[in-house]
Structures are given as structure tokens and as C-alpha cells.
Protein backbone atom coordinates (compact mmCIF):
# COMPACT_ATOMS: atom_id res chain seq x y z
CA MET A 1 53.99 38.13 50.02
CA LEU A 2 56.99 38.90 47.88
CA GLU A 3 54.77 40.68 45.43
CA ILE A 4 53.61 42.92 48.15
CA VAL A 5 57.13 43.60 49.34
CA LEU A 6 58.07 44.56 45.81
CA PHE A 7 55.09 46.61 45.33
CA ILE A 8 55.80 48.70 48.41
CA VAL A 9 59.79 48.99 47.81
CA VAL A 10 59.49 49.39 44.10
CA ALA A 11 56.29 51.20 43.60
CA LEU A 12 54.98 52.94 46.64
CA ALA A 13 58.05 54.16 48.54
CA PRO A 14 59.61 55.90 45.52
CA ALA A 15 56.34 57.50 44.49
CA ILE A 16 55.85 58.96 47.58
CA VAL A 17 59.09 59.86 48.92
CA LEU A 18 60.32 61.58 45.59
CA HIS A 19 57.06 63.38 45.32
CA GLU A 20 57.64 64.84 48.58
CA LEU A 21 61.18 65.40 47.98
CA ALA A 22 60.46 67.23 44.82
CA HIS A 23 58.24 69.82 46.74
CA GLY A 24 61.18 70.25 49.30
CA LEU A 25 63.92 70.75 46.71
CA SER A 26 61.74 73.02 44.56
CA ALA A 27 60.88 74.94 47.53
CA TYR A 28 64.58 75.34 48.61
CA ALA A 29 65.77 76.51 45.13
CA LEU A 30 63.12 79.21 45.42
CA GLY A 31 64.40 80.52 48.62
CA ASP A 32 62.44 78.60 51.31
CA PRO A 33 64.90 76.59 53.56
CA THR A 34 62.08 75.24 55.88
CA ALA A 35 62.13 71.73 54.57
CA LYS A 36 65.92 71.49 54.58
CA ASN A 37 66.07 73.11 58.35
CA GLN A 38 63.88 70.15 59.27
CA GLY A 39 65.62 67.33 57.63
CA ARG A 40 63.16 66.65 54.88
CA LEU A 41 65.38 67.06 52.06
CA THR A 42 66.37 63.37 52.14
CA LEU A 43 65.81 59.98 50.45
CA ASN A 44 65.40 58.47 53.96
CA PRO A 45 61.59 57.29 53.45
CA ILE A 46 61.07 57.47 57.32
CA LYS A 47 61.15 61.05 57.03
CA HIS A 48 58.52 61.20 54.48
CA ILE A 49 56.22 58.19 55.31
CA ASP A 50 53.07 58.62 57.09
CA PRO A 51 52.57 55.08 58.76
CA VAL A 52 48.85 55.30 57.99
CA GLY A 53 48.52 57.29 54.92
CA SER A 54 51.47 55.96 53.04
CA ILE A 55 51.62 52.08 53.85
CA LEU A 56 48.25 51.09 56.08
CA VAL A 57 45.80 52.52 53.51
CA PRO A 58 47.23 52.10 50.32
CA GLY A 59 48.56 48.77 51.48
CA ILE A 60 45.19 47.42 52.66
CA LEU A 61 43.52 48.69 49.18
CA PHE A 62 46.02 46.93 47.26
CA LEU A 63 45.88 43.85 49.21
CA VAL A 64 42.04 43.88 48.93
CA TYR A 65 42.47 43.99 45.22
CA TYR A 66 45.12 41.47 44.83
CA LEU A 67 43.03 38.99 47.05
CA GLY A 68 39.95 39.46 44.67
CA ILE A 69 37.84 41.00 47.30
CA THR A 70 37.29 44.06 45.22
CA LYS A 71 37.20 43.97 41.29
CA THR A 72 38.41 47.67 40.93
CA LEU A 73 41.86 48.88 42.24
CA MET A 74 41.35 52.27 44.20
CA LEU A 75 44.56 53.31 45.57
CA PHE A 76 44.45 55.96 48.13
CA GLY A 77 46.82 57.56 50.52
CA TRP A 78 49.15 60.48 51.80
CA ALA A 79 52.62 61.13 52.81
CA LYS A 80 53.79 63.50 55.81
CA PRO A 81 53.71 66.82 54.02
CA VAL A 82 56.71 68.64 53.53
CA PRO A 83 56.87 71.94 55.33
CA VAL A 84 56.70 74.86 52.85
CA SER A 85 56.57 78.74 53.93
CA PHE A 86 55.17 80.20 50.85
CA ARG A 87 55.78 83.61 51.97
CA SER A 88 59.57 82.85 51.70
CA LEU A 89 59.32 81.90 48.03
CA HIS A 90 60.51 84.17 45.46
CA PRO A 91 58.37 84.82 43.40
CA ARG A 92 55.70 84.06 45.73
CA ARG A 93 52.86 83.12 43.53
CA LEU A 94 54.59 81.65 40.75
CA GLY A 95 56.85 79.81 43.27
CA MET A 96 53.71 78.17 44.92
CA ALA A 97 52.46 76.78 41.53
CA VAL A 98 56.15 75.46 41.08
CA VAL A 99 56.30 74.03 44.26
CA ALA A 100 52.92 72.41 44.05
CA LEU A 101 53.63 71.17 40.39
CA ALA A 102 57.07 69.47 41.42
CA GLY A 103 55.52 66.54 42.97
CA PRO A 104 53.02 65.43 40.31
CA LEU A 105 55.76 65.98 37.41
CA THR A 106 58.13 63.92 39.45
CA ASN A 107 55.55 60.91 39.47
CA ILE A 108 54.95 61.38 35.85
CA VAL A 109 58.84 61.06 35.15
CA LEU A 110 58.79 58.24 37.34
CA ALA A 111 55.92 56.50 35.60
CA PHE A 112 57.99 57.09 32.24
CA ILE A 113 61.34 55.62 34.05
CA PHE A 114 59.37 52.70 35.34
CA SER A 115 57.75 51.90 32.12
CA ARG A 116 61.07 51.66 30.32
CA LEU A 117 62.45 49.28 32.84
CA TYR A 118 59.36 47.26 32.48
CA LYS A 119 60.08 46.79 28.77
CA ALA A 120 63.69 46.44 29.31
CA LEU A 121 63.60 43.73 32.18
CA PRO A 122 63.37 40.60 29.79
CA PHE A 123 66.71 42.05 28.14
CA ILE A 124 68.13 42.87 31.21
CA TYR A 125 67.36 39.03 32.55
CA SER A 126 68.50 37.50 29.52
CA ARG A 127 72.10 39.43 29.70
CA MET A 128 72.75 39.07 33.20
CA GLU A 129 73.58 35.99 35.14
CA LEU A 130 71.57 37.10 38.11
CA TRP A 131 68.59 35.50 39.95
CA LEU A 132 65.62 37.84 39.60
CA PRO A 133 62.12 37.24 40.58
CA VAL A 134 61.00 38.15 37.01
CA PRO A 135 57.11 37.96 37.36
CA GLN A 136 56.96 39.64 40.60
CA LEU A 137 59.24 42.28 39.49
CA THR A 138 57.42 42.66 36.21
CA ASN A 139 54.06 43.25 38.02
CA ALA A 140 55.69 45.66 40.64
CA LEU A 141 57.18 47.67 37.71
CA ALA A 142 53.48 47.77 36.09
CA TRP A 143 52.11 48.77 39.39
CA ALA A 144 54.65 51.49 39.60
CA VAL A 145 53.66 53.01 36.37
CA VAL A 146 49.96 52.98 37.19
CA LEU A 147 50.51 54.26 40.84
CA ASN A 148 52.70 57.12 39.73
CA LEU A 149 50.19 58.26 36.96
CA THR A 150 47.49 57.89 39.41
CA LEU A 151 49.27 60.12 42.01
CA ALA A 152 50.03 62.79 39.29
CA VAL A 153 46.55 63.11 38.11
CA PHE A 154 44.86 62.61 41.41
CA ASN A 155 47.09 65.33 43.28
CA MET A 156 46.16 67.93 40.74
CA VAL A 157 42.50 67.90 41.78
CA PRO A 158 41.80 71.22 43.06
CA ILE A 159 40.63 70.44 46.52
CA PRO A 160 42.92 71.59 49.33
CA PRO A 161 45.36 70.31 50.43
CA LEU A 162 45.97 68.65 47.10
CA ASP A 163 48.68 70.10 44.85
CA GLY A 164 46.06 71.32 42.35
CA SER A 165 44.59 73.48 44.90
CA ARG A 166 48.26 75.34 45.50
CA VAL A 167 48.12 76.02 41.77
CA VAL A 168 44.43 77.55 42.06
CA THR A 169 45.58 79.55 45.07
CA SER A 170 48.52 81.10 43.16
CA CYS A 171 46.00 82.45 40.65
CA LEU A 172 43.49 83.75 42.72
CA PRO A 173 43.08 87.00 44.34
CA THR A 174 44.30 87.27 47.98
CA SER A 175 40.68 87.67 49.45
CA LEU A 176 39.22 84.52 47.31
CA ALA A 177 42.28 82.72 48.05
CA TYR A 178 41.91 82.95 51.86
CA TYR A 179 38.26 81.65 51.70
CA TYR A 180 39.20 78.91 49.12
CA ASN A 181 41.93 77.50 51.53
CA ARG A 182 39.46 77.48 54.32
CA LEU A 183 38.16 74.36 52.65
CA GLU A 184 41.31 72.67 53.88
CA ARG A 185 40.11 71.58 57.22
CA PHE A 186 37.42 69.61 55.08
CA GLY A 187 39.59 68.34 52.15
CA ILE A 188 40.22 64.78 53.32
CA ILE A 189 36.38 64.29 53.95
CA ILE A 190 35.65 65.77 50.28
CA VAL A 191 37.89 63.73 48.85
CA ILE A 192 37.08 60.28 50.59
CA LEU A 193 33.32 61.16 49.59
CA LEU A 194 34.12 61.95 46.01
CA LEU A 195 36.08 58.82 45.73
CA ASN A 196 32.96 56.79 47.14
CA VAL A 197 30.90 58.25 44.39
CA GLY A 198 33.30 57.49 41.64
CA MET A 199 35.60 60.24 41.29
CA MET A 200 38.32 57.96 39.85
CA GLY A 201 35.90 56.98 37.03
CA TYR A 202 36.11 60.76 35.84
CA LEU A 203 40.03 60.71 36.63
CA TYR A 204 40.80 57.48 34.50
CA PRO A 205 40.46 59.04 31.16
CA VAL A 206 42.95 61.91 32.22
CA ILE A 207 45.37 59.17 33.50
CA GLN A 208 44.99 57.43 30.36
CA GLN A 209 45.94 60.80 28.19
CA VAL A 210 48.80 61.38 30.41
CA ALA A 211 49.94 58.01 29.83
CA GLN A 212 49.87 58.47 26.13
CA TRP A 213 51.90 61.73 26.38
CA ILE A 214 54.63 59.68 27.73
CA GLY A 215 54.32 56.64 25.32
CA VAL A 216 52.73 54.38 27.97
CA GLN A 217 49.80 52.01 27.67
CA ILE A 218 47.85 51.23 30.85
């Protein structure tokens, strides 16, 4: 139970909350106050976490892997999207891409930070006279690295409403972007279908490559 709690507190909540906060802060910096006006520029996880997509679904997927029911960990979930008015961004098209990239880039930075904490934990433990659940905390930090790298790469898949689709939209002519974004109503269904036919197997080499870029072994 402690390991699951640490997974949620150390890995899951920061990955989701800071991802969404990055979207909101970048949009605000580029002229869109929508997220700020709706109280979403906050570290309060309640404002960002979707009970089903942020806790229940990834929690169950982690639990069935942790209990040995499945041999492969397949983490999937979603947060409450930060509202962004792309028409308010300056510049609009470049701003759309910047806002979209802010979330995955934040996850990569978090993966780097957690990887360093993972390596430093034995040193911290040996120098501080504090009780720490070292094995459980070590596992939680390792999961945090994997989760953040997975979220970064997964969110760049160009399927609306994932972040990668916003980058594609920013590059498309308006007429093509309109039809492309109409896929959003089917986006979650498409993602679930692709996950069930082994999409993560194709994404894993990309995740490994990103990990190598930041000096992490997974």
C-alpha cells in the first residue's frame, strides 16, 4: 500500500499537474488569460486531476502490473485539460505549438530531475538522520522517471486531442487543420484501439532514445 501511495504522490500527481500547469503558464505568457481566469494556474492537484483519467485508470493499470496480473506495464490516463483560447495567443500558430510542447517538455525535465534524485537517494539517506522508506521511495522515483518519459512521448502522438496534434495543426493550412481537428471526437477511441494493437511497442524505442538524450537508462 505504501508503494502505491508513493507512486501517486511522487510519480503520478507531479507528472500530471505540472504537465497541465505548463500548458496554462505558457498560454498565459503568450497572451491567453483563460487558464488564469478559471483558477487553473495552480499546483493544487484537485484543479487538474480528473478522478477517472488521472487516478482510477492509471491506478488500476499500475495495480494489475504490480500484482503480476499482467507482465507488461501499460500506463494510460488523462488530466482535466487546461482551457486555452488559441485565438488569444500571440503569435497564434507558433503559440499553439509552444503551448502544446510545454507539457511534454516539462515531463522530460521531471524525468531528468527524478533520475538524479534516484541516484542521490542512497547518499541523502546516509547523510541525514531521518527515517525514509528507501526501497519504496526508490521504486517510486524509478516509476516517476518511466512515467514522465512515457507521458512526454505518448502525448506527442499526432492524434487529436493529444499535444502532438496541436503541433501538427499549427503547421497545417487552415482548411486542412479544420478537417484534421474533427478527428478529436474520435481521438480517445483511436488511442485505445492503437494501444490494444501494440502502439506502445513502437513508442518504446522513442522513449529509450529520449532517455538517452537526458542521460537516463530505463
